[in-house]
Amino acid sequence: MTQPILVNVTEEIVRGLVSFLLHGNEYQTFCHCEVCEMDIVAIALNELPSKYVASAESRDTAFEKLNTPENIEAINKQIIRAIHIVGSNPRH
């Protein structure tokens, strides 16, 4: 039996997309420090539904269900909103 885990699959997706967006061409001049990146993740996650799972198998299934064009578009909207908030009010 595999070791139980607790994972928020939405968080995994958001973290990946935030990193991808911040290192893309559109946000080259945006701060890439850990504080700003985590603030963006937190703000976006507070507007998105959580999807917790307790096994690796459940994680894979949940990831497949969440990784749709419609869902990624909704997540990206929240991330971009969060980028603008953090850009206007950086904590560092």
N, C-alpha and C. Protein backbone atom coordinates (compact mmCIF):
# COMPACT_ATOMS: atom_id res chain seq x y z
N MET A 1 0.84 -1.18 0.00
CA MET A 1 0.00 0.00 0.00
C MET A 1 0.89 1.25 0.00
N THR A 2 0.48 2.24 -0.76
CA THR A 2 1.27 3.46 -0.84
C THR A 2 1.00 4.36 0.36
N GLN A 3 1.96 5.19 0.64
CA GLN A 3 1.86 6.14 1.75
C GLN A 3 0.79 7.18 1.44
N PRO A 4 -0.11 7.46 2.39
CA PRO A 4 -1.13 8.49 2.13
C PRO A 4 -0.49 9.88 2.03
N ILE A 5 -1.08 10.69 1.19
CA ILE A 5 -0.62 12.06 1.00
C ILE A 5 -1.84 12.97 1.07
N LEU A 6 -1.62 14.24 1.22
CA LEU A 6 -2.69 15.22 1.14
C LEU A 6 -2.21 16.31 0.20
N VAL A 7 -2.88 16.43 -0.92
CA VAL A 7 -2.45 17.36 -1.96
C VAL A 7 -3.65 18.17 -2.44
N ASN A 8 -3.44 19.47 -2.59
CA ASN A 8 -4.43 20.33 -3.24
C ASN A 8 -3.99 20.43 -4.70
N VAL A 9 -4.70 19.73 -5.56
CA VAL A 9 -4.33 19.67 -6.98
C VAL A 9 -4.45 21.05 -7.63
N THR A 10 -5.42 21.83 -7.20
CA THR A 10 -5.55 23.19 -7.72
C THR A 10 -4.28 23.99 -7.43
N GLU A 11 -3.73 23.82 -6.24
CA GLU A 11 -2.50 24.52 -5.88
C GLU A 11 -1.34 24.11 -6.78
N GLU A 12 -1.22 22.83 -7.07
CA GLU A 12 -0.16 22.37 -7.96
C GLU A 12 -0.25 23.04 -9.32
N ILE A 13 -1.47 23.11 -9.85
CA ILE A 13 -1.67 23.71 -11.17
C ILE A 13 -1.36 25.20 -11.12
N VAL A 14 -1.85 25.89 -10.09
CA VAL A 14 -1.63 27.33 -9.97
C VAL A 14 -0.13 27.63 -9.85
N ARG A 15 0.57 26.90 -9.00
CA ARG A 15 2.01 27.14 -8.85
C ARG A 15 2.75 26.99 -10.18
N GLY A 16 2.40 25.94 -10.92
CA GLY A 16 3.04 25.72 -12.21
C GLY A 16 2.75 26.83 -13.21
N LEU A 17 1.49 27.25 -13.26
CA LEU A 17 1.12 28.31 -14.20
C LEU A 17 1.71 29.66 -13.81
N VAL A 18 1.78 29.95 -12.52
CA VAL A 18 2.38 31.21 -12.08
C VAL A 18 3.85 31.25 -12.49
N SER A 19 4.56 30.18 -12.24
CA SER A 19 5.97 30.12 -12.61
C SER A 19 6.13 30.28 -14.13
N PHE A 20 5.29 29.59 -14.88
CA PHE A 20 5.35 29.66 -16.34
C PHE A 20 5.07 31.09 -16.82
N LEU A 21 4.01 31.71 -16.31
CA LEU A 21 3.65 33.06 -16.75
C LEU A 21 4.71 34.09 -16.37
N LEU A 22 5.22 34.01 -15.14
CA LEU A 22 6.20 35.01 -14.70
C LEU A 22 7.51 34.93 -15.47
N HIS A 23 7.83 33.77 -16.00
CA HIS A 23 9.08 33.64 -16.74
C HIS A 23 8.88 33.73 -18.25
N GLY A 24 7.66 34.08 -18.65
CA GLY A 24 7.36 34.27 -20.07
C GLY A 24 7.66 35.70 -20.50
N ASN A 25 7.43 35.97 -21.75
CA ASN A 25 7.75 37.28 -22.33
C ASN A 25 6.91 38.41 -21.76
N GLU A 26 5.64 38.15 -21.44
CA GLU A 26 4.75 39.22 -20.98
C GLU A 26 5.16 39.84 -19.66
N TYR A 27 5.77 39.06 -18.79
CA TYR A 27 6.07 39.54 -17.44
C TYR A 27 7.57 39.55 -17.15
N GLN A 28 8.38 39.82 -18.16
CA GLN A 28 9.84 39.86 -17.98
C GLN A 28 10.27 40.92 -16.99
N THR A 29 9.56 42.04 -16.94
CA THR A 29 9.96 43.13 -16.06
C THR A 29 9.32 43.02 -14.68
N PHE A 30 8.44 42.04 -14.47
CA PHE A 30 7.79 41.86 -13.18
C PHE A 30 8.78 41.22 -12.20
N CYS A 31 8.66 41.56 -10.94
CA CYS A 31 9.52 40.98 -9.91
C CYS A 31 9.34 39.47 -9.85
N HIS A 32 10.43 38.75 -9.79
CA HIS A 32 10.39 37.29 -9.74
C HIS A 32 10.81 36.75 -8.37
N CYS A 33 10.78 37.60 -7.35
CA CYS A 33 11.20 37.13 -6.03
C CYS A 33 10.16 36.16 -5.46
N GLU A 34 10.59 35.37 -4.50
CA GLU A 34 9.73 34.35 -3.91
C GLU A 34 8.52 34.97 -3.20
N VAL A 35 8.70 36.13 -2.58
CA VAL A 35 7.59 36.78 -1.88
C VAL A 35 6.49 37.14 -2.87
N CYS A 36 6.85 37.78 -3.95
CA CYS A 36 5.85 38.17 -4.96
C CYS A 36 5.19 36.95 -5.57
N GLU A 37 5.97 35.94 -5.89
CA GLU A 37 5.42 34.73 -6.50
C GLU A 37 4.43 34.04 -5.56
N MET A 38 4.78 33.92 -4.28
CA MET A 38 3.88 33.28 -3.32
C MET A 38 2.64 34.12 -3.07
N ASP A 39 2.78 35.45 -3.08
CA ASP A 39 1.61 36.32 -2.93
C ASP A 39 0.64 36.12 -4.10
N ILE A 40 1.17 36.00 -5.30
CA ILE A 40 0.33 35.76 -6.47
C ILE A 40 -0.41 34.44 -6.34
N VAL A 41 0.32 33.40 -5.95
CA VAL A 41 -0.29 32.08 -5.77
C VAL A 41 -1.40 32.15 -4.72
N ALA A 42 -1.13 32.79 -3.60
CA ALA A 42 -2.11 32.87 -2.51
C ALA A 42 -3.37 33.62 -2.94
N ILE A 43 -3.19 34.75 -3.60
CA ILE A 43 -4.34 35.55 -4.03
C ILE A 43 -5.19 34.76 -5.04
N ALA A 44 -4.53 34.12 -5.99
CA ALA A 44 -5.27 33.33 -6.98
C ALA A 44 -5.99 32.16 -6.33
N LEU A 45 -5.31 31.44 -5.43
CA LEU A 45 -5.93 30.28 -4.78
C LEU A 45 -7.13 30.66 -3.93
N ASN A 46 -7.11 31.84 -3.35
CA ASN A 46 -8.25 32.28 -2.53
C ASN A 46 -9.50 32.50 -3.36
N GLU A 47 -9.37 32.62 -4.67
CA GLU A 47 -10.52 32.82 -5.55
C GLU A 47 -10.92 31.55 -6.30
N LEU A 48 -10.17 30.48 -6.11
CA LEU A 48 -10.42 29.24 -6.84
C LEU A 48 -10.85 28.12 -5.88
N PRO A 49 -11.66 27.17 -6.37
CA PRO A 49 -12.04 26.05 -5.51
C PRO A 49 -10.87 25.10 -5.28
N SER A 50 -10.74 24.62 -4.06
CA SER A 50 -9.70 23.64 -3.73
C SER A 50 -10.12 22.27 -4.21
N LYS A 51 -9.14 21.44 -4.53
CA LYS A 51 -9.41 20.04 -4.89
C LYS A 51 -8.36 19.19 -4.19
N TYR A 52 -8.69 18.78 -2.95
CA TYR A 52 -7.77 17.96 -2.17
C TYR A 52 -7.97 16.49 -2.47
N VAL A 53 -6.87 15.76 -2.50
CA VAL A 53 -6.89 14.31 -2.67
C VAL A 53 -5.94 13.70 -1.66
N ALA A 54 -6.11 12.39 -1.43
CA ALA A 54 -5.30 11.73 -0.40
C ALA A 54 -4.49 10.56 -0.92
N SER A 55 -4.31 10.47 -2.23
CA SER A 55 -3.45 9.42 -2.78
C SER A 55 -2.90 9.87 -4.12
N ALA A 56 -1.82 9.25 -4.53
CA ALA A 56 -1.21 9.61 -5.82
C ALA A 56 -2.16 9.28 -6.97
N GLU A 57 -2.88 8.18 -6.85
CA GLU A 57 -3.82 7.80 -7.91
C GLU A 57 -4.94 8.84 -8.02
N SER A 58 -5.47 9.28 -6.89
CA SER A 58 -6.52 10.30 -6.89
C SER A 58 -5.99 11.61 -7.44
N ARG A 59 -4.74 11.90 -7.14
CA ARG A 59 -4.12 13.13 -7.64
C ARG A 59 -4.09 13.13 -9.15
N ASP A 60 -3.67 12.03 -9.74
CA ASP A 60 -3.60 11.94 -11.20
C ASP A 60 -4.98 12.10 -11.83
N THR A 61 -5.97 11.46 -11.26
CA THR A 61 -7.34 11.57 -11.77
C THR A 61 -7.85 13.00 -11.66
N ALA A 62 -7.64 13.62 -10.50
CA ALA A 62 -8.09 15.00 -10.29
C ALA A 62 -7.37 15.95 -11.23
N PHE A 63 -6.07 15.74 -11.44
CA PHE A 63 -5.29 16.59 -12.33
C PHE A 63 -5.87 16.53 -13.75
N GLU A 64 -6.17 15.33 -14.22
CA GLU A 64 -6.74 15.17 -15.56
C GLU A 64 -8.07 15.90 -15.68
N LYS A 65 -8.90 15.82 -14.64
CA LYS A 65 -10.21 16.48 -14.68
C LYS A 65 -10.08 18.00 -14.63
N LEU A 66 -9.09 18.50 -13.89
CA LEU A 66 -8.91 19.95 -13.76
C LEU A 66 -8.14 20.56 -14.93
N ASN A 67 -7.38 19.77 -15.62
CA ASN A 67 -6.51 20.26 -16.70
C ASN A 67 -7.28 20.33 -18.02
N THR A 68 -8.36 21.13 -18.02
CA THR A 68 -9.15 21.34 -19.23
C THR A 68 -8.92 22.77 -19.70
N PRO A 69 -9.14 23.04 -20.97
CA PRO A 69 -8.95 24.41 -21.46
C PRO A 69 -9.81 25.43 -20.70
N GLU A 70 -11.04 25.07 -20.40
CA GLU A 70 -11.94 25.99 -19.69
C GLU A 70 -11.41 26.29 -18.29
N ASN A 71 -10.98 25.26 -17.59
CA ASN A 71 -10.48 25.44 -16.22
C ASN A 71 -9.17 26.20 -16.21
N ILE A 72 -8.29 25.89 -17.14
CA ILE A 72 -7.01 26.60 -17.22
C ILE A 72 -7.25 28.08 -17.52
N GLU A 73 -8.22 28.38 -18.37
CA GLU A 73 -8.55 29.77 -18.66
C GLU A 73 -9.04 30.49 -17.41
N ALA A 74 -9.90 29.84 -16.63
CA ALA A 74 -10.40 30.44 -15.38
C ALA A 74 -9.26 30.65 -14.38
N ILE A 75 -8.37 29.69 -14.29
CA ILE A 75 -7.21 29.81 -13.39
C ILE A 75 -6.31 30.95 -13.85
N ASN A 76 -6.04 31.01 -15.15
CA ASN A 76 -5.19 32.08 -15.69
C ASN A 76 -5.77 33.45 -15.41
N LYS A 77 -7.09 33.60 -15.50
CA LYS A 77 -7.72 34.89 -15.20
C LYS A 77 -7.43 35.31 -13.76
N GLN A 78 -7.53 34.37 -12.83
CA GLN A 78 -7.26 34.68 -11.43
C GLN A 78 -5.78 34.98 -11.21
N ILE A 79 -4.91 34.27 -11.90
CA ILE A 79 -3.47 34.52 -11.77
C ILE A 79 -3.13 35.91 -12.30
N ILE A 80 -3.66 36.28 -13.45
CA ILE A 80 -3.37 37.59 -14.03
C ILE A 80 -3.90 38.69 -13.13
N ARG A 81 -5.09 38.48 -12.57
CA ARG A 81 -5.65 39.44 -11.61
C ARG A 81 -4.69 39.59 -10.42
N ALA A 82 -4.20 38.46 -9.92
CA ALA A 82 -3.28 38.47 -8.77
C ALA A 82 -1.96 39.15 -9.12
N ILE A 83 -1.47 38.95 -10.33
CA ILE A 83 -0.23 39.60 -10.76
C ILE A 83 -0.39 41.12 -10.72
N HIS A 84 -1.52 41.60 -11.18
CA HIS A 84 -1.76 43.04 -11.18
C HIS A 84 -1.88 43.58 -9.75
N ILE A 85 -2.51 42.82 -8.87
CA ILE A 85 -2.63 43.24 -7.46
C ILE A 85 -1.26 43.32 -6.81
N VAL A 86 -0.46 42.27 -6.99
CA VAL A 86 0.87 42.23 -6.36
C VAL A 86 1.79 43.27 -7.00
N GLY A 87 1.67 43.48 -8.30
CA GLY A 87 2.48 44.48 -8.96
C GLY A 87 2.20 45.89 -8.46
N SER A 88 0.94 46.14 -8.10
CA SER A 88 0.56 47.45 -7.59
C SER A 88 0.89 47.62 -6.10
N ASN A 89 0.99 46.51 -5.38
CA ASN A 89 1.21 46.55 -3.92
C ASN A 89 2.21 45.51 -3.47
N PRO A 90 3.45 45.55 -3.96
CA PRO A 90 4.43 44.53 -3.54
C PRO A 90 4.74 44.66 -2.05
N ARG A 91 4.97 43.52 -1.40
CA ARG A 91 5.26 43.52 0.04
C ARG A 91 6.75 43.63 0.36
N HIS A 92 7.62 43.53 -0.62
CA HIS A 92 9.05 43.56 -0.33
C HIS A 92 9.62 44.95 -0.49
